[in-house]
Amino acid sequence: MNPADSRSTALARAVKMAANRGVVVARIAGSATAWWGGNIDDWQPDETLLSSRAALERYWHLVRDFRASRLPTAHAIMVYRDGSFASVMLGVRTPEAVTAYLTEAMELARTRSAQPWLRA
């Protein structure tokens, strides 16, 4: 992840990819958000921080279906042991789609997290 990327830069990179390869990732920790966009083949979740191996397996299944064009878009929320999380938005092509998935991720994180910064 390149924390210098903006949401618009990440989306611009993702839309340059084939429909079944573009991804936008928002890594959220506290009030900081790091953005990355590009080809799903070039992004890997940080396995050392993931909360469970089972979650990683479900993520890879989702990615396989996306790469095979069985899913035009998909959204995965990666929860990390340090309290941060990543919103992995597969196949997004518009700013509105990014906003919708990010809103969904934040709501889910708020309801399931014990982190005080998410409860505010």
PDB file of N, CA and C in Angstrom:
ATOM      1  N   MET A   1       0.839  -1.175   0.000  1.00  0.00           N
ATOM      2  CA  MET A   1       0.000   0.000   0.000  1.00  0.00           C
ATOM      3  C   MET A   1       0.884   1.238   0.000  1.00  0.00           C
ATOM      4  N   ASN A   2       0.476   2.187  -0.760  1.00  0.00           N
ATOM      5  CA  ASN A   2       1.181   3.464  -0.781  1.00  0.00           C
ATOM      6  C   ASN A   2       0.285   4.499  -0.104  1.00  0.00           C
ATOM      7  N   PRO A   3       0.587   4.867   1.143  1.00  0.00           N
ATOM      8  CA  PRO A   3      -0.293   5.775   1.862  1.00  0.00           C
ATOM      9  C   PRO A   3      -0.401   7.163   1.235  1.00  0.00           C
ATOM     10  N   ALA A   4       0.443   7.468   0.283  1.00  0.00           N
ATOM     11  CA  ALA A   4       0.367   8.768  -0.384  1.00  0.00           C
ATOM     12  C   ALA A   4      -0.756   8.797  -1.421  1.00  0.00           C
ATOM     13  N   ASP A   5      -1.261   7.636  -1.828  1.00  0.00           N
ATOM     14  CA  ASP A   5      -2.347   7.598  -2.813  1.00  0.00           C
ATOM     15  C   ASP A   5      -3.619   8.185  -2.216  1.00  0.00           C
ATOM     16  N   SER A   6      -4.381   8.866  -3.044  1.00  0.00           N
ATOM     17  CA  SER A   6      -5.683   9.377  -2.645  1.00  0.00           C
ATOM     18  C   SER A   6      -6.750   8.409  -3.142  1.00  0.00           C
ATOM     19  N   ARG A   7      -7.958   8.614  -2.698  1.00  0.00           N
ATOM     20  CA  ARG A   7      -9.064   7.779  -3.154  1.00  0.00           C
ATOM     21  C   ARG A   7      -9.206   7.888  -4.669  1.00  0.00           C
ATOM     22  N   SER A   8      -9.141   9.104  -5.205  1.00  0.00           N
ATOM     23  CA  SER A   8      -9.317   9.292  -6.645  1.00  0.00           C
ATOM     24  C   SER A   8      -8.165   8.660  -7.438  1.00  0.00           C
ATOM     25  N   THR A   9      -6.942   8.734  -6.926  1.00  0.00           N
ATOM     26  CA  THR A   9      -5.804   8.101  -7.600  1.00  0.00           C
ATOM     27  C   THR A   9      -5.964   6.584  -7.600  1.00  0.00           C
ATOM     28  N   ALA A  10      -6.377   6.035  -6.465  1.00  0.00           N
ATOM     29  CA  ALA A  10      -6.576   4.584  -6.373  1.00  0.00           C
ATOM     30  C   ALA A  10      -7.650   4.130  -7.358  1.00  0.00           C
ATOM     31  N   LEU A  11      -8.748   4.864  -7.440  1.00  0.00           N
ATOM     32  CA  LEU A  11      -9.817   4.503  -8.369  1.00  0.00           C
ATOM     33  C   LEU A  11      -9.349   4.639  -9.817  1.00  0.00           C
ATOM     34  N   ALA A  12      -8.617   5.693 -10.118  1.00  0.00           N
ATOM     35  CA  ALA A  12      -8.117   5.893 -11.487  1.00  0.00           C
ATOM     36  C   ALA A  12      -7.222   4.728 -11.909  1.00  0.00           C
ATOM     37  N   ARG A  13      -6.401   4.244 -10.995  1.00  0.00           N
ATOM     38  CA  ARG A  13      -5.542   3.088 -11.313  1.00  0.00           C
ATOM     39  C   ARG A  13      -6.369   1.824 -11.510  1.00  0.00           C
ATOM     40  N   ALA A  14      -7.384   1.642 -10.679  1.00  0.00           N
ATOM     41  CA  ALA A  14      -8.212   0.438 -10.767  1.00  0.00           C
ATOM     42  C   ALA A  14      -9.005   0.372 -12.067  1.00  0.00           C
ATOM     43  N   VAL A  15      -9.555   1.497 -12.515  1.00  0.00           N
ATOM     44  CA  VAL A  15     -10.386   1.470 -13.727  1.00  0.00           C
ATOM     45  C   VAL A  15      -9.558   1.245 -14.991  1.00  0.00           C
ATOM     46  N   LYS A  16      -8.249   1.395 -14.904  1.00  0.00           N
ATOM     47  CA  LYS A  16      -7.389   1.100 -16.052  1.00  0.00           C
ATOM     48  C   LYS A  16      -7.218  -0.409 -16.262  1.00  0.00           C
ATOM     49  N   MET A  17      -7.600  -1.187 -15.274  1.00  0.00           N
ATOM     50  CA  MET A  17      -7.452  -2.639 -15.343  1.00  0.00           C
ATOM     51  C   MET A  17      -8.659  -3.260 -16.039  1.00  0.00           C
ATOM     52  N   ALA A  18      -8.504  -4.505 -16.445  1.00  0.00           N
ATOM     53  CA  ALA A  18      -9.640  -5.248 -16.993  1.00  0.00           C
ATOM     54  C   ALA A  18     -10.734  -5.319 -15.925  1.00  0.00           C
ATOM     55  N   ALA A  19     -11.968  -5.479 -16.377  1.00  0.00           N
ATOM     56  CA  ALA A  19     -13.107  -5.458 -15.451  1.00  0.00           C
ATOM     57  C   ALA A  19     -12.968  -6.463 -14.315  1.00  0.00           C
ATOM     58  N   ASN A  20     -12.358  -7.610 -14.575  1.00  0.00           N
ATOM     59  CA  ASN A  20     -12.216  -8.632 -13.531  1.00  0.00           C
ATOM     60  C   ASN A  20     -10.854  -8.593 -12.846  1.00  0.00           C
ATOM     61  N   ARG A  21     -10.196  -7.450 -12.882  1.00  0.00           N
ATOM     62  CA  ARG A  21      -8.882  -7.313 -12.235  1.00  0.00           C
ATOM     63  C   ARG A  21      -8.743  -6.052 -11.374  1.00  0.00           C
ATOM     64  N   GLY A  22      -9.581  -5.052 -11.596  1.00  0.00           N
ATOM     65  CA  GLY A  22      -9.443  -3.790 -10.871  1.00  0.00           C
ATOM     66  C   GLY A  22      -9.867  -3.884  -9.416  1.00  0.00           C
ATOM     67  N   VAL A  23      -9.084  -3.263  -8.542  1.00  0.00           N
ATOM     68  CA  VAL A  23      -9.390  -3.270  -7.110  1.00  0.00           C
ATOM     69  C   VAL A  23      -8.980  -1.941  -6.481  1.00  0.00           C
ATOM     70  N   VAL A  24      -9.786  -1.489  -5.532  1.00  0.00           N
ATOM     71  CA  VAL A  24      -9.456  -0.339  -4.692  1.00  0.00           C
ATOM     72  C   VAL A  24      -9.436  -0.851  -3.257  1.00  0.00           C
ATOM     73  N   VAL A  25      -8.373  -0.526  -2.535  1.00  0.00           N
ATOM     74  CA  VAL A  25      -8.231  -0.958  -1.149  1.00  0.00           C
ATOM     75  C   VAL A  25      -8.076   0.273  -0.262  1.00  0.00           C
ATOM     76  N   ALA A  26      -8.880   0.325   0.788  1.00  0.00           N
ATOM     77  CA  ALA A  26      -8.754   1.367   1.806  1.00  0.00           C
ATOM     78  C   ALA A  26      -8.351   0.676   3.109  1.00  0.00           C
ATOM     79  N   ARG A  27      -7.164   0.961   3.603  1.00  0.00           N
ATOM     80  CA  ARG A  27      -6.698   0.417   4.890  1.00  0.00           C
ATOM     81  C   ARG A  27      -6.945   1.501   5.932  1.00  0.00           C
ATOM     82  N   ILE A  28      -7.781   1.193   6.911  1.00  0.00           N
ATOM     83  CA  ILE A  28      -8.232   2.189   7.876  1.00  0.00           C
ATOM     84  C   ILE A  28      -7.730   1.824   9.265  1.00  0.00           C
ATOM     85  N   ALA A  29      -7.025   2.774   9.875  1.00  0.00           N
ATOM     86  CA  ALA A  29      -6.505   2.612  11.235  1.00  0.00           C
ATOM     87  C   ALA A  29      -6.682   3.939  11.947  1.00  0.00           C
ATOM     88  N   GLY A  30      -7.549   3.947  12.926  1.00  0.00           N
ATOM     89  CA  GLY A  30      -7.833   5.207  13.603  1.00  0.00           C
ATOM     90  C   GLY A  30      -8.421   6.203  12.622  1.00  0.00           C
ATOM     91  N   SER A  31      -7.902   7.402  12.614  1.00  0.00           N
ATOM     92  CA  SER A  31      -8.415   8.421  11.699  1.00  0.00           C
ATOM     93  C   SER A  31      -7.663   8.438  10.365  1.00  0.00           C
ATOM     94  N   ALA A  32      -6.721   7.526  10.196  1.00  0.00           N
ATOM     95  CA  ALA A  32      -5.914   7.485   8.973  1.00  0.00           C
ATOM     96  C   ALA A  32      -6.451   6.440   7.995  1.00  0.00           C
ATOM     97  N   THR A  33      -6.470   6.811   6.726  1.00  0.00           N
ATOM     98  CA  THR A  33      -6.856   5.884   5.664  1.00  0.00           C
ATOM     99  C   THR A  33      -5.764   5.894   4.604  1.00  0.00           C
ATOM    100  N   ALA A  34      -5.252   4.723   4.301  1.00  0.00           N
ATOM    101  CA  ALA A  34      -4.264   4.563   3.226  1.00  0.00           C
ATOM    102  C   ALA A  34      -4.988   3.928   2.041  1.00  0.00           C
ATOM    103  N   TRP A  35      -4.792   4.471   0.852  1.00  0.00           N
ATOM    104  CA  TRP A  35      -5.475   4.002  -0.352  1.00  0.00           C
ATOM    105  C   TRP A  35      -4.506   3.308  -1.296  1.00  0.00           C
ATOM    106  N   TRP A  36      -5.012   2.301  -1.985  1.00  0.00           N
ATOM    107  CA  TRP A  36      -4.248   1.641  -3.028  1.00  0.00           C
ATOM    108  C   TRP A  36      -5.228   1.214  -4.108  1.00  0.00           C
ATOM    109  N   GLY A  37      -4.832   1.340  -5.357  1.00  0.00           N
ATOM    110  CA  GLY A  37      -5.667   0.898  -6.463  1.00  0.00           C
ATOM    111  C   GLY A  37      -4.812   0.282  -7.547  1.00  0.00           C
ATOM    112  N   GLY A  38      -5.378  -0.673  -8.255  1.00  0.00           N
ATOM    113  CA  GLY A  38      -4.640  -1.317  -9.336  1.00  0.00           C
ATOM    114  C   GLY A  38      -5.194  -2.687  -9.642  1.00  0.00           C
ATOM    115  N   ASN A  39      -4.296  -3.598  -9.966  1.00  0.00           N
ATOM    116  CA  ASN A  39      -4.635  -4.958 -10.358  1.00  0.00           C
ATOM    117  C   ASN A  39      -4.681  -5.853  -9.132  1.00  0.00           C
ATOM    118  N   ILE A  40      -5.727  -6.642  -9.001  1.00  0.00           N
ATOM    119  CA  ILE A  40      -5.887  -7.538  -7.852  1.00  0.00           C
ATOM    120  C   ILE A  40      -4.715  -8.509  -7.743  1.00  0.00           C
ATOM    121  N   ASP A  41      -4.069  -8.811  -8.849  1.00  0.00           N
ATOM    122  CA  ASP A  41      -2.921  -9.716  -8.819  1.00  0.00           C
ATOM    123  C   ASP A  41      -1.709  -9.084  -8.133  1.00  0.00           C
ATOM    124  N   ASP A  42      -1.722  -7.767  -7.982  1.00  0.00           N
ATOM    125  CA  ASP A  42      -0.594  -7.052  -7.372  1.00  0.00           C
ATOM    126  C   ASP A  42      -0.814  -6.688  -5.904  1.00  0.00           C
ATOM    127  N   TRP A  43      -1.997  -6.983  -5.353  1.00  0.00           N
ATOM    128  CA  TRP A  43      -2.270  -6.653  -3.948  1.00  0.00           C
ATOM    129  C   TRP A  43      -2.440  -7.935  -3.134  1.00  0.00           C
ATOM    130  N   GLN A  44      -1.782  -7.979  -2.016  1.00  0.00           N
ATOM    131  CA  GLN A  44      -1.886  -9.120  -1.114  1.00  0.00           C
ATOM    132  C   GLN A  44      -2.226  -8.615   0.287  1.00  0.00           C
ATOM    133  N   PRO A  45      -3.183  -9.250   0.959  1.00  0.00           N
ATOM    134  CA  PRO A  45      -3.455  -8.850   2.344  1.00  0.00           C
ATOM    135  C   PRO A  45      -2.273  -9.214   3.238  1.00  0.00           C
ATOM    136  N   ASP A  46      -2.108  -8.485   4.311  1.00  0.00           N
ATOM    137  CA  ASP A  46      -1.041  -8.765   5.267  1.00  0.00           C
ATOM    138  C   ASP A  46      -1.475  -9.942   6.134  1.00  0.00           C
ATOM    139  N   GLU A  47      -1.046 -11.137   5.745  1.00  0.00           N
ATOM    140  CA  GLU A  47      -1.475 -12.354   6.434  1.00  0.00           C
ATOM    141  C   GLU A  47      -1.031 -12.400   7.890  1.00  0.00           C
ATOM    142  N   THR A  48       0.043 -11.710   8.221  1.00  0.00           N
ATOM    143  CA  THR A  48       0.535 -11.745   9.602  1.00  0.00           C
ATOM    144  C   THR A  48      -0.391 -10.986  10.546  1.00  0.00           C
ATOM    145  N   LEU A  49      -1.219 -10.092  10.018  1.00  0.00           N
ATOM    146  CA  LEU A  49      -2.118  -9.299  10.863  1.00  0.00           C
ATOM    147  C   LEU A  49      -3.567  -9.757  10.829  1.00  0.00           C
ATOM    148  N   LEU A  50      -3.896 -10.695   9.956  1.00  0.00           N
ATOM    149  CA  LEU A  50      -5.295 -11.118   9.845  1.00  0.00           C
ATOM    150  C   LEU A  50      -5.764 -11.824  11.111  1.00  0.00           C
ATOM    151  N   SER A  51      -7.044 -11.653  11.397  1.00  0.00           N
ATOM    152  CA  SER A  51      -7.597 -12.216  12.612  1.00  0.00           C
ATOM    153  C   SER A  51      -7.785 -13.732  12.541  1.00  0.00           C
ATOM    154  N   SER A  52      -7.910 -14.293  11.327  1.00  0.00           N
ATOM    155  CA  SER A  52      -8.068 -15.749  11.236  1.00  0.00           C
ATOM    156  C   SER A  52      -7.676 -16.262   9.850  1.00  0.00           C
ATOM    157  N   ARG A  53      -7.209 -17.476   9.827  1.00  0.00           N
ATOM    158  CA  ARG A  53      -6.856 -18.141   8.564  1.00  0.00           C
ATOM    159  C   ARG A  53      -8.123 -18.430   7.751  1.00  0.00           C
ATOM    160  N   ALA A  54      -9.215 -18.725   8.439  1.00  0.00           N
ATOM    161  CA  ALA A  54     -10.474 -19.013   7.753  1.00  0.00           C
ATOM    162  C   ALA A  54     -10.945 -17.798   6.954  1.00  0.00           C
ATOM    163  N   ALA A  55     -10.758 -16.601   7.513  1.00  0.00           N
ATOM    164  CA  ALA A  55     -11.143 -15.383   6.799  1.00  0.00           C
ATOM    165  C   ALA A  55     -10.323 -15.229   5.524  1.00  0.00           C
ATOM    166  N   LEU A  56      -9.063 -15.564   5.598  1.00  0.00           N
ATOM    167  CA  LEU A  56      -8.202 -15.464   4.421  1.00  0.00           C
ATOM    168  C   LEU A  56      -8.658 -16.446   3.341  1.00  0.00           C
ATOM    169  N   GLU A  57      -9.031 -17.648   3.731  1.00  0.00           N
ATOM    170  CA  GLU A  57      -9.520 -18.629   2.754  1.00  0.00           C
ATOM    171  C   GLU A  57     -10.791 -18.139   2.079  1.00  0.00           C
ATOM    172  N   ARG A  58     -11.718 -17.551   2.828  1.00  0.00           N
ATOM    173  CA  ARG A  58     -12.953 -17.014   2.230  1.00  0.00           C
ATOM    174  C   ARG A  58     -12.623 -15.873   1.266  1.00  0.00           C
ATOM    175  N   TYR A  59     -11.653 -15.056   1.640  1.00  0.00           N
ATOM    176  CA  TYR A  59     -11.227 -13.958   0.769  1.00  0.00           C
ATOM    177  C   TYR A  59     -10.683 -14.512  -0.553  1.00  0.00           C
ATOM    178  N   TRP A  60      -9.802 -15.503  -0.497  1.00  0.00           N
ATOM    179  CA  TRP A  60      -9.229 -16.054  -1.730  1.00  0.00           C
ATOM    180  C   TRP A  60     -10.299 -16.692  -2.610  1.00  0.00           C
ATOM    181  N   HIS A  61     -11.331 -17.281  -2.012  1.00  0.00           N
ATOM    182  CA  HIS A  61     -12.432 -17.844  -2.793  1.00  0.00           C
ATOM    183  C   HIS A  61     -13.172 -16.716  -3.530  1.00  0.00           C
ATOM    184  N   LEU A  62     -13.420 -15.621  -2.844  1.00  0.00           N
ATOM    185  CA  LEU A  62     -14.071 -14.462  -3.451  1.00  0.00           C
ATOM    186  C   LEU A  62     -13.232 -13.920  -4.611  1.00  0.00           C
ATOM    187  N   VAL A  63     -11.933 -13.813  -4.410  1.00  0.00           N
ATOM    188  CA  VAL A  63     -11.035 -13.313  -5.453  1.00  0.00           C
ATOM    189  C   VAL A  63     -11.030 -14.254  -6.660  1.00  0.00           C
ATOM    190  N   ARG A  64     -11.018 -15.558  -6.428  1.00  0.00           N
ATOM    191  CA  ARG A  64     -11.061 -16.514  -7.549  1.00  0.00           C
ATOM    192  C   ARG A  64     -12.332 -16.326  -8.380  1.00  0.00           C
ATOM    193  N   ASP A  65     -13.474 -16.161  -7.700  1.00  0.00           N
ATOM    194  CA  ASP A  65     -14.730 -15.945  -8.426  1.00  0.00           C
ATOM    195  C   ASP A  65     -14.705 -14.632  -9.198  1.00  0.00           C
ATOM    196  N   PHE A  66     -14.118 -13.597  -8.624  1.00  0.00           N
ATOM    197  CA  PHE A  66     -13.999 -12.304  -9.293  1.00  0.00           C
ATOM    198  C   PHE A  66     -13.094 -12.421 -10.520  1.00  0.00           C
ATOM    199  N   ARG A  67     -11.948 -13.034 -10.361  1.00  0.00           N
ATOM    200  CA  ARG A  67     -11.016 -13.192 -11.491  1.00  0.00           C
ATOM    201  C   ARG A  67     -11.631 -13.998 -12.631  1.00  0.00           C
ATOM    202  N   ALA A  68     -12.478 -14.964 -12.288  1.00  0.00           N
ATOM    203  CA  ALA A  68     -13.122 -15.797 -13.298  1.00  0.00           C
ATOM    204  C   ALA A  68     -14.367 -15.127 -13.888  1.00  0.00           C
ATOM    205  N   SER A  69     -14.627 -13.880 -13.508  1.00  0.00           N
ATOM    206  CA  SER A  69     -15.762 -13.084 -13.991  1.00  0.00           C
ATOM    207  C   SER A  69     -17.115 -13.647 -13.554  1.00  0.00           C
ATOM    208  N   ARG A  70     -17.134 -14.437 -12.493  1.00  0.00           N
ATOM    209  CA  ARG A  70     -18.404 -14.912 -11.944  1.00  0.00           C
ATOM    210  C   ARG A  70     -19.047 -13.844 -11.059  1.00  0.00           C
ATOM    211  N   LEU A  71     -18.246 -12.884 -10.600  1.00  0.00           N
ATOM    212  CA  LEU A  71     -18.726 -11.755  -9.807  1.00  0.00           C
ATOM    213  C   LEU A  71     -18.235 -10.464 -10.464  1.00  0.00           C
ATOM    214  N   PRO A  72     -19.129  -9.605 -10.947  1.00  0.00           N
ATOM    215  CA  PRO A  72     -18.662  -8.361 -11.557  1.00  0.00           C
ATOM    216  C   PRO A  72     -18.062  -7.396 -10.531  1.00  0.00           C
ATOM    217  N   THR A  73     -18.615  -7.396  -9.327  1.00  0.00           N
ATOM    218  CA  THR A  73     -18.072  -6.607  -8.221  1.00  0.00           C
ATOM    219  C   THR A  73     -18.172  -7.445  -6.954  1.00  0.00           C
ATOM    220  N   ALA A  74     -17.331  -7.122  -6.004  1.00  0.00           N
ATOM    221  CA  ALA A  74     -17.371  -7.812  -4.717  1.00  0.00           C
ATOM    222  C   ALA A  74     -16.696  -6.932  -3.687  1.00  0.00           C
ATOM    223  N   HIS A  75     -16.990  -7.205  -2.433  1.00  0.00           N
ATOM    224  CA  HIS A  75     -16.431  -6.407  -1.350  1.00  0.00           C
ATOM    225  C   HIS A  75     -16.013  -7.336  -0.220  1.00  0.00           C
ATOM    226  N   ALA A  76     -14.785  -7.190   0.204  1.00  0.00           N
ATOM    227  CA  ALA A  76     -14.284  -7.957   1.343  1.00  0.00           C
ATOM    228  C   ALA A  76     -13.796  -6.973   2.394  1.00  0.00           C
ATOM    229  N   ILE A  77     -14.095  -7.278   3.628  1.00  0.00           N
ATOM    230  CA  ILE A  77     -13.606  -6.465   4.739  1.00  0.00           C
ATOM    231  C   ILE A  77     -12.637  -7.330   5.520  1.00  0.00           C
ATOM    232  N   MET A  78     -11.384  -6.915   5.530  1.00  0.00           N
ATOM    233  CA  MET A  78     -10.325  -7.648   6.220  1.00  0.00           C
ATOM    234  C   MET A  78     -10.131  -7.015   7.597  1.00  0.00           C
ATOM    235  N   VAL A  79     -10.337  -7.787   8.633  1.00  0.00           N
ATOM    236  CA  VAL A  79     -10.176  -7.291  10.000  1.00  0.00           C
ATOM    237  C   VAL A  79      -8.824  -7.749  10.511  1.00  0.00           C
ATOM    238  N   TYR A  80      -8.046  -6.797  10.987  1.00  0.00           N
ATOM    239  CA  TYR A  80      -6.694  -7.104  11.464  1.00  0.00           C
ATOM    240  C   TYR A  80      -6.648  -7.117  12.985  1.00  0.00           C
ATOM    241  N   ARG A  81      -5.722  -7.897  13.517  1.00  0.00           N
ATOM    242  CA  ARG A  81      -5.584  -8.037  14.976  1.00  0.00           C
ATOM    243  C   ARG A  81      -5.231  -6.732  15.664  1.00  0.00           C
ATOM    244  N   ASP A  82      -4.625  -5.798  14.960  1.00  0.00           N
ATOM    245  CA  ASP A  82      -4.246  -4.533  15.588  1.00  0.00           C
ATOM    246  C   ASP A  82      -5.398  -3.529  15.657  1.00  0.00           C
ATOM    247  N   GLY A  83      -6.594  -3.961  15.260  1.00  0.00           N
ATOM    248  CA  GLY A  83      -7.764  -3.094  15.309  1.00  0.00           C
ATOM    249  C   GLY A  83      -8.039  -2.347  14.025  1.00  0.00           C
ATOM    250  N   SER A  84      -7.114  -2.379  13.096  1.00  0.00           N
ATOM    251  CA  SER A  84      -7.345  -1.731  11.805  1.00  0.00           C
ATOM    252  C   SER A  84      -8.096  -2.708  10.898  1.00  0.00           C
ATOM    253  N   PHE A  85      -8.546  -2.209   9.769  1.00  0.00           N
ATOM    254  CA  PHE A  85      -9.190  -3.092   8.808  1.00  0.00           C
ATOM    255  C   PHE A  85      -8.983  -2.552   7.405  1.00  0.00           C
ATOM    256  N   ALA A  86      -9.254  -3.395   6.434  1.00  0.00           N
ATOM    257  CA  ALA A  86      -9.137  -2.998   5.032  1.00  0.00           C
ATOM    258  C   ALA A  86     -10.464  -3.282   4.340  1.00  0.00           C
ATOM    259  N   SER A  87     -10.885  -2.330   3.541  1.00  0.00           N
ATOM    260  CA  SER A  87     -12.051  -2.497   2.690  1.00  0.00           C
ATOM    261  C   SER A  87     -11.509  -2.776   1.293  1.00  0.00           C
ATOM    262  N   VAL A  88     -11.692  -3.996   0.819  1.00  0.00           N
ATOM    263  CA  VAL A  88     -11.167  -4.433  -0.478  1.00  0.00           C
ATOM    264  C   VAL A  88     -12.344  -4.442  -1.454  1.00  0.00           C
ATOM    265  N   MET A  89     -12.316  -3.494  -2.404  1.00  0.00           N
ATOM    266  CA  MET A  89     -13.431  -3.280  -3.313  1.00  0.00           C
ATOM    267  C   MET A  89     -13.057  -3.761  -4.714  1.00  0.00           C
ATOM    268  N   LEU A  90     -13.561  -4.907  -5.075  1.00  0.00           N
ATOM    269  CA  LEU A  90     -13.230  -5.530  -6.354  1.00  0.00           C
ATOM    270  C   LEU A  90     -14.197  -5.070  -7.439  1.00  0.00           C
ATOM    271  N   GLY A  91     -13.651  -4.622  -8.560  1.00  0.00           N
ATOM    272  CA  GLY A  91     -14.473  -4.276  -9.711  1.00  0.00           C
ATOM    273  C   GLY A  91     -15.167  -2.924  -9.650  1.00  0.00           C
ATOM    274  N   VAL A  92     -14.828  -2.094  -8.675  1.00  0.00           N
ATOM    275  CA  VAL A  92     -15.474  -0.776  -8.605  1.00  0.00           C
ATOM    276  C   VAL A  92     -14.986   0.092  -9.765  1.00  0.00           C
ATOM    277  N   ARG A  93     -15.903   0.876 -10.325  1.00  0.00           N
ATOM    278  CA  ARG A  93     -15.571   1.706 -11.478  1.00  0.00           C
ATOM    279  C   ARG A  93     -15.937   3.170 -11.287  1.00  0.00           C
ATOM    280  N   THR A  94     -16.657   3.497 -10.200  1.00  0.00           N
ATOM    281  CA  THR A  94     -17.116   4.870 -10.002  1.00  0.00           C
ATOM    282  C   THR A  94     -16.834   5.324  -8.562  1.00  0.00           C
ATOM    283  N   PRO A  95     -16.722   6.628  -8.361  1.00  0.00           N
ATOM    284  CA  PRO A  95     -16.563   7.136  -6.994  1.00  0.00           C
ATOM    285  C   PRO A  95     -17.742   6.758  -6.094  1.00  0.00           C
ATOM    286  N   GLU A  96     -18.932   6.694  -6.671  1.00  0.00           N
ATOM    287  CA  GLU A  96     -20.120   6.339  -5.898  1.00  0.00           C
ATOM    288  C   GLU A  96     -20.042   4.905  -5.389  1.00  0.00           C
ATOM    289  N   ALA A  97     -19.509   4.003  -6.201  1.00  0.00           N
ATOM    290  CA  ALA A  97     -19.359   2.613  -5.767  1.00  0.00           C
ATOM    291  C   ALA A  97     -18.355   2.509  -4.627  1.00  0.00           C
ATOM    292  N   VAL A  98     -17.268   3.267  -4.720  1.00  0.00           N
ATOM    293  CA  VAL A  98     -16.269   3.277  -3.653  1.00  0.00           C
ATOM    294  C   VAL A  98     -16.902   3.795  -2.367  1.00  0.00           C
ATOM    295  N   THR A  99     -17.647   4.874  -2.459  1.00  0.00           N
ATOM    296  CA  THR A  99     -18.296   5.453  -1.284  1.00  0.00           C
ATOM    297  C   THR A  99     -19.286   4.469  -0.664  1.00  0.00           C
ATOM    298  N   ALA A 100     -20.057   3.791  -1.487  1.00  0.00           N
ATOM    299  CA  ALA A 100     -21.043   2.829  -0.976  1.00  0.00           C
ATOM    300  C   ALA A 100     -20.354   1.684  -0.234  1.00  0.00           C
ATOM    301  N   TYR A 101     -19.316   1.108  -0.821  1.00  0.00           N
ATOM    302  CA  TYR A 101     -18.605   0.011  -0.156  1.00  0.00           C
ATOM    303  C   TYR A 101     -17.891   0.494   1.104  1.00  0.00           C
ATOM    304  N   LEU A 102     -17.316   1.677   1.056  1.00  0.00           N
ATOM    305  CA  LEU A 102     -16.623   2.203   2.229  1.00  0.00           C
ATOM    306  C   LEU A 102     -17.608   2.465   3.369  1.00  0.00           C
ATOM    307  N   THR A 103     -18.784   2.986   3.037  1.00  0.00           N
ATOM    308  CA  THR A 103     -19.824   3.203   4.047  1.00  0.00           C
ATOM    309  C   THR A 103     -20.245   1.875   4.661  1.00  0.00           C
ATOM    310  N   GLU A 104     -20.427   0.869   3.823  1.00  0.00           N
ATOM    311  CA  GLU A 104     -20.781  -0.467   4.304  1.00  0.00           C
ATOM    312  C   GLU A 104     -19.704  -1.014   5.242  1.00  0.00           C
ATOM    313  N   ALA A 105     -18.457  -0.843   4.865  1.00  0.00           N
ATOM    314  CA  ALA A 105     -17.344  -1.329   5.689  1.00  0.00           C
ATOM    315  C   ALA A 105     -17.308  -0.627   7.037  1.00  0.00           C
ATOM    316  N   MET A 106     -17.490   0.689   7.036  1.00  0.00           N
ATOM    317  CA  MET A 106     -17.454   1.444   8.283  1.00  0.00           C
ATOM    318  C   MET A 106     -18.599   1.048   9.206  1.00  0.00           C
ATOM    319  N   GLU A 107     -19.779   0.844   8.659  1.00  0.00           N
ATOM    320  CA  GLU A 107     -20.919   0.433   9.484  1.00  0.00           C
ATOM    321  C   GLU A 107     -20.680  -0.944  10.103  1.00  0.00           C
ATOM    322  N   LEU A 108     -20.194  -1.858   9.296  1.00  0.00           N
ATOM    323  CA  LEU A 108     -19.908  -3.193   9.810  1.00  0.00           C
ATOM    324  C   LEU A 108     -18.819  -3.146  10.865  1.00  0.00           C
ATOM    325  N   ALA A 109     -17.785  -2.381  10.615  1.00  0.00           N
ATOM    326  CA  ALA A 109     -16.697  -2.270  11.580  1.00  0.00           C
ATOM    327  C   ALA A 109     -17.178  -1.641  12.884  1.00  0.00           C
ATOM    328  N   ARG A 110     -18.039  -0.654  12.800  1.00  0.00           N
ATOM    329  CA  ARG A 110     -18.568  -0.002  14.016  1.00  0.00           C
ATOM    330  C   ARG A 110     -19.367  -0.979  14.870  1.00  0.00           C
ATOM    331  N   THR A 111     -20.163  -1.809  14.234  1.00  0.00           N
ATOM    332  CA  THR A 111     -21.021  -2.714  14.996  1.00  0.00           C
ATOM    333  C   THR A 111     -20.270  -3.909  15.564  1.00  0.00           C
ATOM    334  N   ARG A 112     -19.148  -4.285  14.961  1.00  0.00           N
ATOM    335  CA  ARG A 112     -18.443  -5.486  15.385  1.00  0.00           C
ATOM    336  C   ARG A 112     -17.135  -5.250  16.119  1.00  0.00           C
ATOM    337  N   SER A 113     -16.712  -4.026  16.214  1.00  0.00           N
ATOM    338  CA  SER A 113     -15.396  -3.757  16.777  1.00  0.00           C
ATOM    339  C   SER A 113     -15.486  -3.218  18.197  1.00  0.00           C
ATOM    340  N   ALA A 114     -14.523  -3.610  18.999  1.00  0.00           N
ATOM    341  CA  ALA A 114     -14.404  -3.071  20.348  1.00  0.00           C
ATOM    342  C   ALA A 114     -13.493  -1.844  20.353  1.00  0.00           C
ATOM    343  N   GLN A 115     -12.937  -1.482  19.206  1.00  0.00           N
ATOM    344  CA  GLN A 115     -12.023  -0.346  19.135  1.00  0.00           C
ATOM    345  C   GLN A 115     -12.777   0.951  19.434  1.00  0.00           C
ATOM    346  N   PRO A 116     -12.314   1.732  20.410  1.00  0.00           N
ATOM    347  CA  PRO A 116     -13.025   2.954  20.777  1.00  0.00           C
ATOM    348  C   PRO A 116     -13.110   3.983  19.651  1.00  0.00           C
ATOM    349  N   TRP A 117     -12.123   4.033  18.761  1.00  0.00           N
ATOM    350  CA  TRP A 117     -12.157   5.034  17.696  1.00  0.00           C
ATOM    351  C   TRP A 117     -13.274   4.752  16.690  1.00  0.00           C
ATOM    352  N   LEU A 118     -13.743   3.501  16.637  1.00  0.00           N
ATOM    353  CA  LEU A 118     -14.836   3.176  15.727  1.00  0.00           C
ATOM    354  C   LEU A 118     -16.196   3.440  16.352  1.00  0.00           C
ATOM    355  N   ARG A 119     -16.263   3.499  17.648  1.00  0.00           N
ATOM    356  CA  ARG A 119     -17.529   3.681  18.338  1.00  0.00           C
ATOM    357  C   ARG A 119     -17.977   5.142  18.378  1.00  0.00           C
ATOM    358  N   ALA A 120     -17.070   6.039  18.109  1.00  0.00           N
ATOM    359  CA  ALA A 120     -17.387   7.471  18.225  1.00  0.00           C
ATOM    360  C   ALA A 120     -18.406   7.902  17.195  1.00  0.00           C
TER     361      ALA A 120
END
